Amino acid sequence: MARLLITGVSGLLGINLALEAVQKGFDVVGWTNSHPLKNTPFQQEIVALENLETLPAALQNARPDAVIHCAAIANLDVAEQNPELTDLVNAQAPGVLAQTAKEMGIPFVQISTDAIFDGSKGNYSEEDLPDPRNTYAQSKLAGEEAVRQAYAEALIARVVFYGWSIGGKRSLAEFFFNNLSLGNCVNGFTDSIFSPLYVRDLADLLLEALSKDLKGTYHFFSRESLSKYDFGVALAKCFGLDESLITPVQTAQGNLLTKRSLNLSANTTKLQNALGHELPGIPEGIERLYDDYQKGLRQQLAAFLA
């Protein structure tokens, strides 16, 4: 049984990836930043990524056969207000971990983001030059570069995703579901385009890529793109909620604190060719989100905080 280290295991991707990996027979160890989860089916350790000097020993002591590094300061406003901490966690820590993984001779997967692009054209491939627009995106691009420099054979997975989280407020899907369920009116951005995967589909793809020993940079996105407004409408229809509560607006009308890239539609041809199959689309992802809701995944995840 392979031992898999997942950092950021309390986050939206981390927890769903850990549960998928356990189901597939991995021996999982998860790192959290400060507060351990309760009654998880995997081992946990508390590791502060900003303490760079402690990371090599922590990774060696965990004795993994592979690492998927999900942890990051991902809240754009928090990153903007804390640039030094964001640099430590998002830019410098990945390089330290990748260097240690290289010395240990184990695979390393760095989770990056679509936000590294400026959003001016869309249909971004791995060959397009990044041009990050905010502190978060700049730090994630620096993290990519640190990993490439430390460990040329690492896998860098650029991602954007949605799903059910432990706290219930981590993803765009939860934003729409929570508000529409309460009958609240919300805005949906018509000019903000993205290619999101359902988080458990993303988890499956990451584990598949690890099994196939992919190296280099790949785009792990849905094969389809849509606006955030259209995403909200599609979710409302699937869950039987009132789509008329979503007001179509431009991003500029949203009074957002941090500048965001607009058209982040992505090209996934390289990953599809490497894996030998088509990637999931938007309707399948939202259906799986609904199925997992029906199966009680939200309650299962919330129980880890109890």
C-alpha atoms as a PDB file:
ATOM      1  CA  MET A   1       0.000   0.000   0.000  1.00  0.00           C
ATOM      2  CA  ALA A   2       1.465   3.320  -1.096  1.00  0.00           C
ATOM      3  CA  ARG A   3       1.790   6.016   1.551  1.00  0.00           C
ATOM      4  CA  LEU A   4       0.558   9.384   0.271  1.00  0.00           C
ATOM      5  CA  LEU A   5       1.207  12.715   1.993  1.00  0.00           C
ATOM      6  CA  ILE A   6      -1.451  15.361   1.335  1.00  0.00           C
ATOM      7  CA  THR A   7      -0.778  18.858   2.641  1.00  0.00           C
ATOM      8  CA  GLY A   8      -3.657  21.208   3.395  1.00  0.00           C
ATOM      9  CA  VAL A   9      -5.840  18.229   4.270  1.00  0.00           C
ATOM     10  CA  SER A  10      -8.513  20.359   5.948  1.00  0.00           C
ATOM     11  CA  GLY A  11      -9.041  22.384   2.753  1.00  0.00           C
ATOM     12  CA  LEU A  12     -11.629  21.781   0.053  1.00  0.00           C
ATOM     13  CA  LEU A  13      -9.286  19.841  -2.231  1.00  0.00           C
ATOM     14  CA  GLY A  14      -7.212  18.287   0.545  1.00  0.00           C
ATOM     15  CA  ILE A  15     -10.051  16.574   2.402  1.00  0.00           C
ATOM     16  CA  ASN A  16     -11.830  15.314  -0.710  1.00  0.00           C
ATOM     17  CA  LEU A  17      -8.542  14.059  -2.161  1.00  0.00           C
ATOM     18  CA  ALA A  18      -7.700  12.303   1.101  1.00  0.00           C
ATOM     19  CA  LEU A  19     -11.056  10.524   1.217  1.00  0.00           C
ATOM     20  CA  GLU A  20     -10.763   9.449  -2.427  1.00  0.00           C
ATOM     21  CA  ALA A  21      -7.214   8.203  -1.843  1.00  0.00           C
ATOM     22  CA  VAL A  22      -8.260   6.191   1.223  1.00  0.00           C
ATOM     23  CA  GLN A  23     -11.064   4.609  -0.816  1.00  0.00           C
ATOM     24  CA  LYS A  24      -8.526   3.638  -3.470  1.00  0.00           C
ATOM     25  CA  GLY A  25      -6.329   1.900  -0.905  1.00  0.00           C
ATOM     26  CA  PHE A  26      -3.689   4.538  -0.142  1.00  0.00           C
ATOM     27  CA  ASP A  27      -2.229   4.907   3.332  1.00  0.00           C
ATOM     28  CA  VAL A  28      -2.803   8.653   3.738  1.00  0.00           C
ATOM     29  CA  VAL A  29      -1.092  11.099   6.063  1.00  0.00           C
ATOM     30  CA  GLY A  30      -2.483  14.622   6.037  1.00  0.00           C
ATOM     31  CA  TRP A  31      -0.878  17.861   7.146  1.00  0.00           C
ATOM     32  CA  THR A  32      -2.947  20.632   8.710  1.00  0.00           C
ATOM     33  CA  ASN A  33      -1.742  24.069   9.707  1.00  0.00           C
ATOM     34  CA  SER A  34      -3.083  24.358  13.229  1.00  0.00           C
ATOM     35  CA  HIS A  35      -6.244  22.436  14.127  1.00  0.00           C
ATOM     36  CA  PRO A  36      -6.481  18.683  13.544  1.00  0.00           C
ATOM     37  CA  LEU A  37      -9.729  17.181  12.308  1.00  0.00           C
ATOM     38  CA  LYS A  38     -11.752  14.672  14.335  1.00  0.00           C
ATOM     39  CA  ASN A  39     -12.217  10.970  13.539  1.00  0.00           C
ATOM     40  CA  THR A  40     -10.647  10.971  10.088  1.00  0.00           C
ATOM     41  CA  PRO A  41      -9.809   7.691   8.315  1.00  0.00           C
ATOM     42  CA  PHE A  42      -6.202   8.839   7.908  1.00  0.00           C
ATOM     43  CA  GLN A  43      -3.266   9.967  10.041  1.00  0.00           C
ATOM     44  CA  GLN A  44      -2.731  13.696  10.630  1.00  0.00           C
ATOM     45  CA  GLU A  45       0.185  15.925  11.557  1.00  0.00           C
ATOM     46  CA  ILE A  46       0.287  19.663  12.328  1.00  0.00           C
ATOM     47  CA  VAL A  47       2.908  21.422  10.212  1.00  0.00           C
ATOM     48  CA  ALA A  48       3.254  25.206   9.801  1.00  0.00           C
ATOM     49  CA  LEU A  49       4.429  25.766   6.230  1.00  0.00           C
ATOM     50  CA  GLU A  50       5.741  29.248   6.979  1.00  0.00           C
ATOM     51  CA  ASN A  51       8.446  27.685   9.187  1.00  0.00           C
ATOM     52  CA  LEU A  52      10.566  26.741   6.192  1.00  0.00           C
ATOM     53  CA  GLU A  53      13.483  25.351   8.178  1.00  0.00           C
ATOM     54  CA  THR A  54      11.283  22.638   9.750  1.00  0.00           C
ATOM     55  CA  LEU A  55       9.813  21.333   6.493  1.00  0.00           C
ATOM     56  CA  PRO A  56      12.558  18.954   5.310  1.00  0.00           C
ATOM     57  CA  ALA A  57      12.567  17.007   8.581  1.00  0.00           C
ATOM     58  CA  ALA A  58       8.763  16.974   8.730  1.00  0.00           C
ATOM     59  CA  LEU A  59       8.565  15.532   5.221  1.00  0.00           C
ATOM     60  CA  GLN A  60      11.271  12.947   5.876  1.00  0.00           C
ATOM     61  CA  ASN A  61       9.615  11.888   9.148  1.00  0.00           C
ATOM     62  CA  ALA A  62       6.275  11.376   7.376  1.00  0.00           C
ATOM     63  CA  ARG A  63       7.946   8.712   5.178  1.00  0.00           C
ATOM     64  CA  PRO A  64       5.628   9.103   2.172  1.00  0.00           C
ATOM     65  CA  ASP A  65       5.944   7.360  -1.165  1.00  0.00           C
ATOM     66  CA  ALA A  66       4.515  10.458  -2.889  1.00  0.00           C
ATOM     67  CA  VAL A  67       3.414  14.013  -2.030  1.00  0.00           C
ATOM     68  CA  ILE A  68       0.473  16.065  -3.305  1.00  0.00           C
ATOM     69  CA  HIS A  69       0.975  19.610  -2.057  1.00  0.00           C
ATOM     70  CA  CYS A  70      -2.469  21.238  -1.829  1.00  0.00           C
ATOM     71  CA  ALA A  71      -1.863  23.663   1.047  1.00  0.00           C
ATOM     72  CA  ALA A  72      -1.873  27.377   0.272  1.00  0.00           C
ATOM     73  CA  ILE A  73      -3.234  30.716   1.366  1.00  0.00           C
ATOM     74  CA  ALA A  74      -6.048  30.656  -1.190  1.00  0.00           C
ATOM     75  CA  ASN A  75      -8.278  33.512  -0.036  1.00  0.00           C
ATOM     76  CA  LEU A  76      -7.450  36.335  -2.439  1.00  0.00           C
ATOM     77  CA  ASP A  77      -8.193  39.132   0.033  1.00  0.00           C
ATOM     78  CA  VAL A  78      -6.193  37.477   2.834  1.00  0.00           C
ATOM     79  CA  ALA A  79      -3.262  37.045   0.451  1.00  0.00           C
ATOM     80  CA  GLU A  80      -3.472  40.692  -0.637  1.00  0.00           C
ATOM     81  CA  GLN A  81      -3.402  41.866   2.975  1.00  0.00           C
ATOM     82  CA  ASN A  82      -0.595  39.491   4.069  1.00  0.00           C
ATOM     83  CA  PRO A  83       1.967  39.470   1.243  1.00  0.00           C
ATOM     84  CA  GLU A  84       4.939  38.320   3.340  1.00  0.00           C
ATOM     85  CA  LEU A  85       3.132  35.314   4.825  1.00  0.00           C
ATOM     86  CA  THR A  86       1.640  34.514   1.426  1.00  0.00           C
ATOM     87  CA  ASP A  87       5.123  34.510  -0.093  1.00  0.00           C
ATOM     88  CA  LEU A  88       6.410  32.106   2.550  1.00  0.00           C
ATOM     89  CA  VAL A  89       3.507  29.667   2.231  1.00  0.00           C
ATOM     90  CA  ASN A  90       2.636  29.859  -1.472  1.00  0.00           C
ATOM     91  CA  ALA A  91       5.971  30.697  -3.082  1.00  0.00           C
ATOM     92  CA  GLN A  92       8.826  29.469  -0.890  1.00  0.00           C
ATOM     93  CA  ALA A  93       7.464  26.398   0.915  1.00  0.00           C
ATOM     94  CA  PRO A  94       6.695  24.484  -2.317  1.00  0.00           C
ATOM     95  CA  GLY A  95      10.316  24.773  -3.402  1.00  0.00           C
ATOM     96  CA  VAL A  96      11.598  23.498  -0.054  1.00  0.00           C
ATOM     97  CA  LEU A  97       9.206  20.532  -0.132  1.00  0.00           C
ATOM     98  CA  ALA A  98       9.987  19.748  -3.771  1.00  0.00           C
ATOM     99  CA  GLN A  99      13.736  19.778  -3.072  1.00  0.00           C
ATOM    100  CA  THR A 100      13.255  17.390  -0.163  1.00  0.00           C
ATOM    101  CA  ALA A 101      11.033  15.103  -2.238  1.00  0.00           C
ATOM    102  CA  LYS A 102      13.705  15.020  -4.943  1.00  0.00           C
ATOM    103  CA  GLU A 103      16.336  14.059  -2.369  1.00  0.00           C
ATOM    104  CA  MET A 104      13.997  11.313  -1.093  1.00  0.00           C
ATOM    105  CA  GLY A 105      13.409  10.080  -4.652  1.00  0.00           C
ATOM    106  CA  ILE A 106       9.607  10.338  -4.486  1.00  0.00           C
ATOM    107  CA  PRO A 107       7.027  11.948  -6.810  1.00  0.00           C
ATOM    108  CA  PHE A 108       5.888  15.474  -5.978  1.00  0.00           C
ATOM    109  CA  VAL A 109       2.696  17.140  -7.207  1.00  0.00           C
ATOM    110  CA  GLN A 110       2.354  20.912  -6.845  1.00  0.00           C
ATOM    111  CA  ILE A 111      -1.197  22.281  -6.983  1.00  0.00           C
ATOM    112  CA  SER A 112      -1.298  25.587  -8.838  1.00  0.00           C
ATOM    113  CA  THR A 113      -4.118  27.703 -10.268  1.00  0.00           C
ATOM    114  CA  ASP A 114      -5.721  29.159 -13.390  1.00  0.00           C
ATOM    115  CA  ALA A 115      -5.348  32.601 -11.775  1.00  0.00           C
ATOM    116  CA  ILE A 116      -1.736  32.908 -12.990  1.00  0.00           C
ATOM    117  CA  PHE A 117      -3.116  34.144 -16.344  1.00  0.00           C
ATOM    118  CA  ASP A 118      -4.337  37.700 -16.910  1.00  0.00           C
ATOM    119  CA  GLY A 119      -7.707  36.626 -18.331  1.00  0.00           C
ATOM    120  CA  SER A 120      -7.437  38.750 -21.457  1.00  0.00           C
ATOM    121  CA  LYS A 121      -7.981  36.024 -24.072  1.00  0.00           C
ATOM    122  CA  GLY A 122      -9.097  32.686 -22.596  1.00  0.00           C
ATOM    123  CA  ASN A 123      -8.517  29.120 -23.850  1.00  0.00           C
ATOM    124  CA  TYR A 124      -5.190  29.098 -22.027  1.00  0.00           C
ATOM    125  CA  SER A 125      -2.822  26.219 -22.713  1.00  0.00           C
ATOM    126  CA  GLU A 126       0.326  25.222 -20.896  1.00  0.00           C
ATOM    127  CA  GLU A 127       2.313  27.104 -23.555  1.00  0.00           C
ATOM    128  CA  ASP A 128       0.730  30.501 -22.796  1.00  0.00           C
ATOM    129  CA  LEU A 129       2.794  32.947 -20.764  1.00  0.00           C
ATOM    130  CA  PRO A 130       1.423  33.694 -17.278  1.00  0.00           C
ATOM    131  CA  ASP A 131       0.701  37.259 -16.232  1.00  0.00           C
ATOM    132  CA  PRO A 132      -0.712  37.209 -12.674  1.00  0.00           C
ATOM    133  CA  ARG A 133      -2.966  40.083 -11.580  1.00  0.00           C
ATOM    134  CA  ASN A 134      -2.878  39.898  -7.757  1.00  0.00           C
ATOM    135  CA  THR A 135      -0.729  38.801  -4.806  1.00  0.00           C
ATOM    136  CA  TYR A 136      -2.272  35.324  -4.611  1.00  0.00           C
ATOM    137  CA  ALA A 137      -1.703  34.628  -8.301  1.00  0.00           C
ATOM    138  CA  GLN A 138       1.827  36.062  -8.197  1.00  0.00           C
ATOM    139  CA  SER A 139       2.700  33.860  -5.230  1.00  0.00           C
ATOM    140  CA  LYS A 140       1.306  30.724  -6.897  1.00  0.00           C
ATOM    141  CA  LEU A 141       3.308  31.387 -10.052  1.00  0.00           C
ATOM    142  CA  ALA A 142       6.417  31.883  -7.907  1.00  0.00           C
ATOM    143  CA  GLY A 143       5.597  28.549  -6.243  1.00  0.00           C
ATOM    144  CA  GLU A 144       5.469  26.858  -9.639  1.00  0.00           C
ATOM    145  CA  GLU A 145       8.838  28.299 -10.566  1.00  0.00           C
ATOM    146  CA  ALA A 146      10.390  27.289  -7.240  1.00  0.00           C
ATOM    147  CA  VAL A 147       9.198  23.706  -7.751  1.00  0.00           C
ATOM    148  CA  ARG A 148      10.501  23.545 -11.328  1.00  0.00           C
ATOM    149  CA  GLN A 149      13.874  24.841 -10.208  1.00  0.00           C
ATOM    150  CA  ALA A 150      14.105  22.400  -7.302  1.00  0.00           C
ATOM    151  CA  TYR A 151      12.685  19.295  -8.984  1.00  0.00           C
ATOM    152  CA  ALA A 152      12.383  19.242 -12.766  1.00  0.00           C
ATOM    153  CA  GLU A 153      10.500  15.923 -12.681  1.00  0.00           C
ATOM    154  CA  ALA A 154       7.703  17.217 -10.442  1.00  0.00           C
ATOM    155  CA  LEU A 155       4.113  17.469 -11.687  1.00  0.00           C
ATOM    156  CA  ILE A 156       2.560  20.944 -11.604  1.00  0.00           C
ATOM    157  CA  ALA A 157      -1.224  20.734 -11.772  1.00  0.00           C
ATOM    158  CA  ARG A 158      -3.061  23.962 -12.523  1.00  0.00           C
ATOM    159  CA  VAL A 159      -6.581  23.636 -11.181  1.00  0.00           C
ATOM    160  CA  VAL A 160      -9.894  25.328 -10.461  1.00  0.00           C
ATOM    161  CA  PHE A 161     -12.627  23.402  -8.685  1.00  0.00           C
ATOM    162  CA  TYR A 162     -15.776  23.395  -6.567  1.00  0.00           C
ATOM    163  CA  GLY A 163     -17.420  20.998  -4.137  1.00  0.00           C
ATOM    164  CA  TRP A 164     -18.418  20.348  -0.540  1.00  0.00           C
ATOM    165  CA  SER A 165     -15.975  21.494   2.138  1.00  0.00           C
ATOM    166  CA  ILE A 166     -15.637  20.840   5.851  1.00  0.00           C
ATOM    167  CA  GLY A 167     -16.758  24.339   6.852  1.00  0.00           C
ATOM    168  CA  GLY A 168     -19.401  24.542   4.136  1.00  0.00           C
ATOM    169  CA  LYS A 169     -18.272  27.893   2.704  1.00  0.00           C
ATOM    170  CA  ARG A 170     -15.158  27.215   0.642  1.00  0.00           C
ATOM    171  CA  SER A 171     -16.450  26.988  -2.923  1.00  0.00           C
ATOM    172  CA  LEU A 172     -18.597  28.843  -5.428  1.00  0.00           C
ATOM    173  CA  ALA A 173     -20.993  25.896  -5.449  1.00  0.00           C
ATOM    174  CA  GLU A 174     -21.505  26.286  -1.704  1.00  0.00           C
ATOM    175  CA  PHE A 175     -22.008  30.046  -2.106  1.00  0.00           C
ATOM    176  CA  PHE A 176     -24.857  29.506  -4.547  1.00  0.00           C
ATOM    177  CA  PHE A 177     -26.320  26.506  -2.709  1.00  0.00           C
ATOM    178  CA  ASN A 178     -26.255  28.156   0.725  1.00  0.00           C
ATOM    179  CA  ASN A 179     -27.824  31.410  -0.445  1.00  0.00           C
ATOM    180  CA  LEU A 180     -30.404  29.976  -2.826  1.00  0.00           C
ATOM    181  CA  SER A 181     -31.486  27.427  -0.218  1.00  0.00           C
ATOM    182  CA  LEU A 182     -32.278  30.346   2.105  1.00  0.00           C
ATOM    183  CA  GLY A 183     -34.052  32.312  -0.608  1.00  0.00           C
ATOM    184  CA  ASN A 184     -31.326  34.964  -0.716  1.00  0.00           C
ATOM    185  CA  CYS A 185     -30.717  37.034  -3.851  1.00  0.00           C
ATOM    186  CA  VAL A 186     -27.126  36.875  -5.133  1.00  0.00           C
ATOM    187  CA  ASN A 187     -25.095  38.213  -8.025  1.00  0.00           C
ATOM    188  CA  GLY A 188     -23.642  35.994 -10.751  1.00  0.00           C
ATOM    189  CA  PHE A 189     -20.799  37.370 -12.853  1.00  0.00           C
ATOM    190  CA  THR A 190     -21.498  37.048 -16.575  1.00  0.00           C
ATOM    191  CA  ASP A 191     -18.001  38.115 -17.697  1.00  0.00           C
ATOM    192  CA  SER A 192     -16.039  35.865 -15.322  1.00  0.00           C
ATOM    193  CA  ILE A 193     -15.350  32.687 -17.331  1.00  0.00           C
ATOM    194  CA  PHE A 194     -13.762  29.549 -15.923  1.00  0.00           C
ATOM    195  CA  SER A 195     -13.412  25.778 -16.491  1.00  0.00           C
ATOM    196  CA  PRO A 196     -14.096  24.231 -13.073  1.00  0.00           C
ATOM    197  CA  LEU A 197     -13.919  20.564 -12.134  1.00  0.00           C
ATOM    198  CA  TYR A 198     -15.947  18.967  -9.387  1.00  0.00           C
ATOM    199  CA  VAL A 199     -13.390  18.437  -6.636  1.00  0.00           C
ATOM    200  CA  ARG A 200     -13.819  14.666  -6.476  1.00  0.00           C
ATOM    201  CA  ASP A 201     -13.354  14.419 -10.250  1.00  0.00           C
ATOM    202  CA  LEU A 202     -10.181  16.459  -9.793  1.00  0.00           C
ATOM    203  CA  ALA A 203      -9.055  14.135  -7.002  1.00  0.00           C
ATOM    204  CA  ASP A 204      -9.518  11.103  -9.248  1.00  0.00           C
ATOM    205  CA  LEU A 205      -7.557  12.765 -12.055  1.00  0.00           C
ATOM    206  CA  LEU A 206      -4.683  13.707  -9.746  1.00  0.00           C
ATOM    207  CA  LEU A 207      -4.411  10.133  -8.466  1.00  0.00           C
ATOM    208  CA  GLU A 208      -4.543   8.839 -12.039  1.00  0.00           C
ATOM    209  CA  ALA A 209      -1.794  11.255 -13.089  1.00  0.00           C
ATOM    210  CA  LEU A 210       0.297  10.116 -10.123  1.00  0.00           C
ATOM    211  CA  SER A 211      -0.184   6.467 -11.102  1.00  0.00           C
ATOM    212  CA  LYS A 212       0.931   7.281 -14.659  1.00  0.00           C
ATOM    213  CA  ASP A 213       3.972   9.198 -13.375  1.00  0.00           C
ATOM    214  CA  LEU A 214       3.161  12.392 -15.271  1.00  0.00           C
ATOM    215  CA  LYS A 215       5.830  15.081 -15.111  1.00  0.00           C
ATOM    216  CA  GLY A 216       5.802  18.741 -16.071  1.00  0.00           C
ATOM    217  CA  THR A 217       2.911  21.207 -16.212  1.00  0.00           C
ATOM    218  CA  TYR A 218      -0.673  20.197 -16.995  1.00  0.00           C
ATOM    219  CA  HIS A 219      -4.075  21.866 -16.967  1.00  0.00           C
ATOM    220  CA  PHE A 220      -6.527  19.959 -14.752  1.00  0.00           C
ATOM    221  CA  PHE A 221      -9.779  21.666 -15.730  1.00  0.00           C
ATOM    222  CA  SER A 222     -13.182  20.789 -17.098  1.00  0.00           C
ATOM    223  CA  ARG A 223     -13.304  20.210 -20.838  1.00  0.00           C
ATOM    224  CA  GLU A 224     -15.959  22.956 -20.925  1.00  0.00           C
ATOM    225  CA  SER A 225     -16.049  26.594 -19.832  1.00  0.00           C
ATOM    226  CA  LEU A 226     -18.870  28.857 -18.647  1.00  0.00           C
ATOM    227  CA  SER A 227     -19.537  32.065 -16.754  1.00  0.00           C
ATOM    228  CA  LYS A 228     -19.981  32.074 -13.005  1.00  0.00           C
ATOM    229  CA  TYR A 229     -23.547  33.274 -13.578  1.00  0.00           C
ATOM    230  CA  ASP A 230     -24.268  30.280 -15.821  1.00  0.00           C
ATOM    231  CA  PHE A 231     -22.632  27.981 -13.281  1.00  0.00           C
ATOM    232  CA  GLY A 232     -25.007  29.257 -10.609  1.00  0.00           C
ATOM    233  CA  VAL A 233     -28.010  28.772 -12.876  1.00  0.00           C
ATOM    234  CA  ALA A 234     -26.933  25.212 -13.758  1.00  0.00           C
ATOM    235  CA  LEU A 235     -26.507  24.381 -10.072  1.00  0.00           C
ATOM    236  CA  ALA A 236     -29.902  25.874  -9.209  1.00  0.00           C
ATOM    237  CA  LYS A 237     -31.604  23.793 -11.890  1.00  0.00           C
ATOM    238  CA  CYS A 238     -29.927  20.579 -10.747  1.00  0.00           C
ATOM    239  CA  PHE A 239     -30.839  21.153  -7.092  1.00  0.00           C
ATOM    240  CA  GLY A 240     -34.364  22.414  -7.785  1.00  0.00           C
ATOM    241  CA  LEU A 241     -33.598  25.905  -6.465  1.00  0.00           C
ATOM    242  CA  ASP A 242     -34.854  29.249  -7.759  1.00  0.00           C
ATOM    243  CA  GLU A 243     -32.471  30.450 -10.463  1.00  0.00           C
ATOM    244  CA  SER A 244     -34.304  33.803 -10.663  1.00  0.00           C
ATOM    245  CA  LEU A 245     -32.635  34.724  -7.347  1.00  0.00           C
ATOM    246  CA  ILE A 246     -29.345  35.061  -9.286  1.00  0.00           C
ATOM    247  CA  THR A 247     -28.873  38.508 -10.836  1.00  0.00           C
ATOM    248  CA  PRO A 248     -26.570  38.614 -13.882  1.00  0.00           C
ATOM    249  CA  VAL A 249     -23.970  41.365 -13.392  1.00  0.00           C
ATOM    250  CA  GLN A 250     -20.498  42.335 -14.570  1.00  0.00           C
ATOM    251  CA  THR A 251     -17.585  41.607 -12.234  1.00  0.00           C
ATOM    252  CA  ALA A 252     -16.909  45.344 -11.931  1.00  0.00           C
ATOM    253  CA  GLN A 253     -20.304  45.693 -10.224  1.00  0.00           C
ATOM    254  CA  GLY A 254     -19.353  43.213  -7.519  1.00  0.00           C
ATOM    255  CA  ASN A 255     -17.321  45.617  -5.345  1.00  0.00           C
ATOM    256  CA  LEU A 256     -14.572  42.998  -4.945  1.00  0.00           C
ATOM    257  CA  LEU A 257     -11.560  44.017  -2.868  1.00  0.00           C
ATOM    258  CA  THR A 258      -8.965  42.207  -4.996  1.00  0.00           C
ATOM    259  CA  LYS A 259      -8.476  42.418  -8.774  1.00  0.00           C
ATOM    260  CA  ARG A 260      -9.360  39.211 -10.604  1.00  0.00           C
ATOM    261  CA  SER A 261      -8.682  37.907 -14.094  1.00  0.00           C
ATOM    262  CA  LEU A 262     -11.865  37.549 -16.158  1.00  0.00           C
ATOM    263  CA  ASN A 263     -11.613  35.008 -18.978  1.00  0.00           C
ATOM    264  CA  LEU A 264      -9.783  32.018 -17.526  1.00  0.00           C
ATOM    265  CA  SER A 265     -11.238  29.398 -19.854  1.00  0.00           C
ATOM    266  CA  ALA A 266      -8.656  26.657 -20.269  1.00  0.00           C
ATOM    267  CA  ASN A 267      -7.362  24.230 -22.856  1.00  0.00           C
ATOM    268  CA  THR A 268      -6.970  20.666 -21.539  1.00  0.00           C
ATOM    269  CA  THR A 269      -5.771  18.889 -24.703  1.00  0.00           C
ATOM    270  CA  LYS A 270      -2.349  18.066 -23.248  1.00  0.00           C
ATOM    271  CA  LEU A 271      -3.784  16.306 -20.181  1.00  0.00           C
ATOM    272  CA  GLN A 272      -6.465  14.483 -22.176  1.00  0.00           C
ATOM    273  CA  ASN A 273      -3.780  13.135 -24.515  1.00  0.00           C
ATOM    274  CA  ALA A 274      -1.554  12.098 -21.611  1.00  0.00           C
ATOM    275  CA  LEU A 275      -4.351  10.259 -19.793  1.00  0.00           C
ATOM    276  CA  GLY A 276      -5.899   8.839 -22.950  1.00  0.00           C
ATOM    277  CA  HIS A 277      -9.472   9.917 -22.238  1.00  0.00           C
ATOM    278  CA  GLU A 278     -11.760  12.936 -22.183  1.00  0.00           C
ATOM    279  CA  LEU A 279     -11.987  15.019 -19.018  1.00  0.00           C
ATOM    280  CA  PRO A 280     -15.308  15.504 -17.196  1.00  0.00           C
ATOM    281  CA  GLY A 281     -17.623  18.294 -18.327  1.00  0.00           C
ATOM    282  CA  ILE A 282     -19.729  20.773 -16.371  1.00  0.00           C
ATOM    283  CA  PRO A 283     -23.073  18.862 -16.324  1.00  0.00           C
ATOM    284  CA  GLU A 284     -21.460  15.632 -15.096  1.00  0.00           C
ATOM    285  CA  GLY A 285     -19.626  17.495 -12.356  1.00  0.00           C
ATOM    286  CA  ILE A 286     -22.728  19.248 -11.051  1.00  0.00           C
ATOM    287  CA  GLU A 287     -24.644  15.953 -11.167  1.00  0.00           C
ATOM    288  CA  ARG A 288     -21.924  14.306  -9.087  1.00  0.00           C
ATOM    289  CA  LEU A 289     -22.029  17.257  -6.660  1.00  0.00           C
ATOM    290  CA  TYR A 290     -25.776  16.633  -6.307  1.00  0.00           C
ATOM    291  CA  ASP A 291     -25.345  12.864  -5.926  1.00  0.00           C
ATOM    292  CA  ASP A 292     -22.796  13.327  -3.158  1.00  0.00           C
ATOM    293  CA  TYR A 293     -25.148  15.796  -1.469  1.00  0.00           C
ATOM    294  CA  GLN A 294     -27.895  13.169  -1.580  1.00  0.00           C
ATOM    295  CA  LYS A 295     -25.492  10.606  -0.084  1.00  0.00           C
ATOM    296  CA  GLY A 296     -24.761  12.889   2.888  1.00  0.00           C
ATOM    297  CA  LEU A 297     -21.231  14.008   2.021  1.00  0.00           C
ATOM    298  CA  ARG A 298     -21.838  17.498   3.486  1.00  0.00           C
ATOM    299  CA  GLN A 299     -22.714  15.984   6.855  1.00  0.00           C
ATOM    300  CA  GLN A 300     -19.797  13.551   6.691  1.00  0.00           C
ATOM    301  CA  LEU A 301     -17.353  16.389   6.117  1.00  0.00           C
ATOM    302  CA  ALA A 302     -18.893  18.644   8.775  1.00  0.00           C
ATOM    303  CA  ALA A 303     -18.513  15.842  11.320  1.00  0.00           C
ATOM    304  CA  PHE A 304     -14.729  16.123  11.017  1.00  0.00           C
ATOM    305  CA  LEU A 305     -15.041  19.449  12.870  1.00  0.00           C
ATOM    306  CA  ALA A 306     -17.314  18.109  15.626  1.00  0.00           C
END
